[in-house]
N, C-alpha and C. Protein backbone atom coordinates (compact mmCIF):
# COMPACT_ATOMS: atom_id res chain seq x y z
N UNK A 1 9.26 15.85 2.93
CA UNK A 1 9.83 14.62 2.68
C UNK A 1 9.03 13.57 3.16
N UNK A 2 8.86 12.50 2.25
CA UNK A 2 7.93 11.47 2.68
C UNK A 2 8.67 10.11 2.37
N UNK A 3 8.43 9.12 3.30
CA UNK A 3 8.94 7.78 3.09
C UNK A 3 8.03 6.86 2.46
N UNK A 4 8.53 6.31 1.18
CA UNK A 4 7.71 5.31 0.52
C UNK A 4 8.31 3.88 0.80
N UNK A 5 7.38 3.12 1.14
CA UNK A 5 7.76 1.70 1.38
C UNK A 5 7.15 0.74 0.27
N UNK A 6 8.00 -0.33 -0.18
CA UNK A 6 7.52 -1.20 -1.20
C UNK A 6 7.51 -2.45 -0.63
N UNK A 7 6.41 -3.43 -0.94
CA UNK A 7 6.57 -4.68 -0.48
C UNK A 7 6.35 -5.79 -1.50
N UNK A 8 6.63 -6.93 -1.30
CA UNK A 8 6.53 -8.16 -2.27
C UNK A 8 7.04 -7.95 -3.47
N UNK A 9 6.27 -8.10 -4.70
CA UNK A 9 6.77 -7.96 -6.09
C UNK A 9 7.00 -6.40 -6.35
N UNK A 10 6.33 -5.51 -5.75
CA UNK A 10 6.67 -4.11 -5.92
C UNK A 10 8.14 -3.79 -5.51
N UNK A 11 8.52 -4.29 -4.46
CA UNK A 11 9.95 -4.04 -4.02
C UNK A 11 10.88 -4.67 -4.95
N UNK A 12 10.45 -6.05 -5.42
CA UNK A 12 11.45 -6.75 -6.54
C UNK A 12 11.58 -5.90 -7.62
N UNK A 13 10.50 -5.37 -8.16
CA UNK A 13 10.58 -4.73 -9.52
C UNK A 13 11.45 -3.40 -9.45
N UNK A 14 11.22 -2.65 -8.23
CA UNK A 14 11.87 -1.32 -8.08
C UNK A 14 13.24 -1.51 -7.66
N UNK A 15 13.55 -2.50 -6.66
CA UNK A 15 14.88 -2.89 -6.27
C UNK A 15 15.24 -2.38 -4.94
N UNK A 16 14.33 -1.65 -4.30
CA UNK A 16 14.71 -1.11 -2.93
C UNK A 16 13.57 -1.44 -2.15
N UNK A 17 13.53 -1.59 -0.70
CA UNK A 17 12.48 -1.68 -0.02
C UNK A 17 11.79 -0.35 0.55
N UNK A 18 12.57 0.68 0.45
CA UNK A 18 12.04 1.94 0.88
C UNK A 18 12.90 3.14 0.49
N UNK A 19 12.36 4.28 0.41
CA UNK A 19 13.16 5.47 -0.10
C UNK A 19 12.53 6.57 0.46
N UNK A 20 13.29 7.76 0.82
CA UNK A 20 12.73 9.03 1.21
C UNK A 20 12.75 9.85 -0.04
N UNK A 21 11.67 10.65 -0.36
CA UNK A 21 11.83 11.60 -1.41
C UNK A 21 10.82 12.84 -1.19
N UNK A 22 11.13 13.92 -2.06
CA UNK A 22 10.32 15.07 -2.15
C UNK A 22 9.26 14.76 -3.10
N UNK A 23 8.07 15.19 -3.01
CA UNK A 23 7.01 14.95 -3.97
C UNK A 23 6.07 16.25 -4.19
N UNK A 24 5.57 16.38 -5.16
CA UNK A 24 4.47 17.54 -5.44
C UNK A 24 3.20 16.86 -5.48
N UNK A 25 2.98 15.49 -5.39
CA UNK A 25 1.94 14.62 -5.55
C UNK A 25 0.94 15.06 -4.35
N UNK A 26 -0.43 15.11 -4.97
CA UNK A 26 -1.40 15.60 -3.85
C UNK A 26 -2.27 14.34 -3.45
N UNK A 27 -2.10 13.24 -4.14
CA UNK A 27 -2.94 11.88 -3.78
C UNK A 27 -1.87 10.81 -3.94
N UNK A 28 -2.37 9.63 -3.50
CA UNK A 28 -1.56 8.41 -3.69
C UNK A 28 -1.55 8.05 -5.25
N UNK A 29 -2.49 8.40 -6.07
CA UNK A 29 -2.45 8.06 -7.52
C UNK A 29 -1.50 9.11 -8.09
N UNK A 30 -1.59 10.29 -7.66
CA UNK A 30 -0.41 11.23 -8.21
C UNK A 30 0.94 10.76 -7.92
N UNK A 31 1.04 10.16 -6.67
CA UNK A 31 2.37 9.72 -6.34
C UNK A 31 2.98 8.60 -7.16
N UNK A 32 1.86 7.68 -7.45
CA UNK A 32 2.17 6.56 -8.35
C UNK A 32 2.47 6.96 -9.67
N UNK A 33 1.97 8.10 -10.34
CA UNK A 33 2.21 8.61 -11.67
C UNK A 33 3.56 9.07 -11.43
N UNK A 34 3.87 9.97 -10.58
CA UNK A 34 5.28 10.55 -10.36
C UNK A 34 6.38 9.36 -10.23
N UNK A 35 6.09 8.29 -9.46
CA UNK A 35 7.00 7.19 -9.39
C UNK A 35 7.38 6.45 -10.63
N UNK A 36 6.13 6.27 -11.35
CA UNK A 36 6.24 5.52 -12.66
C UNK A 36 7.11 6.26 -13.62
N UNK A 37 7.34 7.47 -13.56
CA UNK A 37 8.10 8.16 -14.41
C UNK A 37 9.68 8.09 -14.09
N UNK A 38 10.03 7.46 -12.93
CA UNK A 38 11.29 7.46 -12.44
C UNK A 38 12.40 6.45 -13.04
N UNK A 39 11.58 5.57 -14.05
CA UNK A 39 12.45 4.53 -14.75
C UNK A 39 11.76 3.30 -14.87
N UNK A 40 12.36 2.18 -15.58
CA UNK A 40 11.64 1.03 -15.98
C UNK A 40 11.05 0.11 -14.85
N UNK A 41 11.86 0.04 -13.97
CA UNK A 41 11.29 -0.76 -12.76
C UNK A 41 10.11 -0.23 -12.16
N UNK A 42 10.21 1.19 -11.87
CA UNK A 42 9.09 1.95 -11.23
C UNK A 42 7.83 1.79 -12.39
N UNK A 43 8.05 2.01 -13.57
CA UNK A 43 7.02 1.95 -14.53
C UNK A 43 6.25 0.54 -14.52
N UNK A 44 7.07 -0.46 -14.58
CA UNK A 44 6.29 -1.81 -14.50
C UNK A 44 5.62 -2.03 -13.25
N UNK A 45 6.14 -1.52 -12.00
CA UNK A 45 5.43 -1.77 -10.77
C UNK A 45 4.23 -0.94 -10.76
N UNK A 46 4.14 0.08 -11.36
CA UNK A 46 2.93 1.11 -11.26
C UNK A 46 2.13 1.03 -12.43
N UNK A 47 2.36 0.27 -13.48
CA UNK A 47 1.62 0.18 -14.78
C UNK A 47 -0.07 -0.07 -14.42
N UNK A 48 -0.24 -0.99 -13.52
CA UNK A 48 -1.70 -1.27 -13.50
C UNK A 48 -1.95 -1.05 -11.76
N UNK A 49 -2.48 0.20 -11.45
CA UNK A 49 -2.91 0.57 -10.41
C UNK A 49 -3.96 -0.28 -9.58
N UNK A 50 -4.78 -0.95 -10.35
CA UNK A 50 -5.73 -1.93 -9.82
C UNK A 50 -5.10 -3.15 -9.16
N UNK A 51 -3.86 -3.38 -9.55
CA UNK A 51 -3.17 -4.57 -8.80
C UNK A 51 -2.32 -4.11 -7.68
N UNK A 52 -2.52 -2.94 -7.09
CA UNK A 52 -2.04 -2.41 -5.88
C UNK A 52 -2.69 -2.05 -4.86
N UNK A 53 -2.39 -2.02 -3.66
CA UNK A 53 -2.92 -1.53 -2.61
C UNK A 53 -1.86 -0.35 -1.96
N UNK A 54 -2.63 0.56 -1.12
CA UNK A 54 -1.77 1.52 -0.68
C UNK A 54 -2.22 1.77 0.80
N UNK A 55 -1.25 2.33 1.62
CA UNK A 55 -1.47 2.58 2.98
C UNK A 55 -0.84 4.10 3.15
N UNK A 56 -1.53 4.85 3.83
CA UNK A 56 -0.87 6.16 4.14
C UNK A 56 -0.88 6.15 5.69
N UNK A 57 0.33 6.36 6.25
CA UNK A 57 0.70 6.33 7.64
C UNK A 57 0.00 5.12 8.29
N UNK A 58 0.16 4.07 7.66
CA UNK A 58 -0.23 2.71 8.25
C UNK A 58 -1.71 2.45 8.14
N UNK A 59 -2.45 3.20 7.44
CA UNK A 59 -4.00 3.13 7.29
C UNK A 59 -4.22 2.88 5.90
N UNK A 60 -5.00 1.69 5.54
CA UNK A 60 -5.31 1.23 4.07
C UNK A 60 -6.15 2.37 3.54
N UNK A 61 -5.89 2.90 2.44
CA UNK A 61 -6.58 3.95 1.62
C UNK A 61 -6.79 3.84 0.27
N UNK A 62 -7.78 4.43 -0.31
CA UNK A 62 -8.14 4.46 -1.78
C UNK A 62 -6.93 5.14 -2.42
N UNK A 63 -6.78 4.93 -3.73
CA UNK A 63 -5.76 5.66 -4.59
C UNK A 63 -6.01 7.24 -4.68
N UNK A 64 -7.24 7.68 -4.45
CA UNK A 64 -7.44 9.04 -4.47
C UNK A 64 -7.42 9.89 -3.17
N UNK A 65 -6.82 9.02 -2.03
CA UNK A 65 -6.66 9.66 -0.90
C UNK A 65 -5.46 10.68 -0.88
N UNK A 66 -5.62 11.73 -0.17
CA UNK A 66 -4.57 12.94 -0.17
C UNK A 66 -3.32 12.34 0.59
N UNK A 67 -2.16 12.89 0.33
CA UNK A 67 -1.00 12.59 1.01
C UNK A 67 -0.26 13.83 1.68
N UNK A 68 -0.87 15.07 1.69
CA UNK A 68 -0.46 16.11 2.31
C UNK A 68 -0.25 15.82 3.58
N UNK A 69 0.79 16.14 4.14
CA UNK A 69 1.23 15.97 5.66
C UNK A 69 1.49 14.48 5.94
N UNK A 70 1.55 13.60 5.24
CA UNK A 70 1.68 12.27 5.49
C UNK A 70 3.26 12.17 5.65
N UNK A 71 3.54 10.94 6.55
CA UNK A 71 5.04 10.69 6.75
C UNK A 71 5.36 9.56 5.91
N UNK A 72 4.33 8.57 5.62
CA UNK A 72 4.73 7.42 5.15
C UNK A 72 3.49 6.85 4.13
N UNK A 73 4.04 6.33 3.02
CA UNK A 73 3.06 5.77 2.07
C UNK A 73 3.60 4.41 1.70
N UNK A 74 2.82 3.28 1.63
CA UNK A 74 3.33 2.03 1.41
C UNK A 74 2.41 1.56 0.27
N UNK A 75 3.19 0.63 -0.61
CA UNK A 75 2.65 0.10 -1.66
C UNK A 75 2.86 -1.35 -1.68
N UNK A 76 1.66 -2.29 -1.85
CA UNK A 76 1.88 -3.71 -1.83
C UNK A 76 0.65 -4.27 -2.62
N UNK A 77 0.85 -5.57 -3.03
CA UNK A 77 -0.09 -6.16 -3.72
C UNK A 77 -1.37 -6.51 -2.98
N UNK A 78 -2.61 -6.65 -3.43
CA UNK A 78 -3.59 -7.21 -2.63
C UNK A 78 -3.43 -8.43 -1.84
N UNK A 79 -3.80 -8.53 -0.79
CA UNK A 79 -3.63 -9.68 0.20
C UNK A 79 -4.70 -10.86 0.02
N UNK A 80 -4.49 -11.95 0.07
CA UNK A 80 -5.36 -13.09 -0.02
C UNK A 80 -5.21 -13.99 0.96
N UNK A 81 -6.40 -14.47 1.43
CA UNK A 81 -6.36 -15.40 2.63
C UNK A 81 -6.47 -16.77 2.26
N UNK A 82 -6.39 -17.73 3.22
CA UNK A 82 -6.59 -18.99 2.62
C UNK A 82 -6.15 -20.04 3.72
């Protein structure tokens, strides 16, 4: 079981801030593909992976990062400073 967290517009499109799920995904990118297949809001949120950042167990990672053994994966838009 893995907990998936959604922030900012990702959460708005999906409609929930977090959920726990079983996954066969090996990487963050695989998880995104799996999530996109769950319905329209998910598909919209995960259509453009370059518009997202991900963290596994609170560490910023690339989309090809493995998630085996992870407790948490978070998705959020890139941050800007100013």
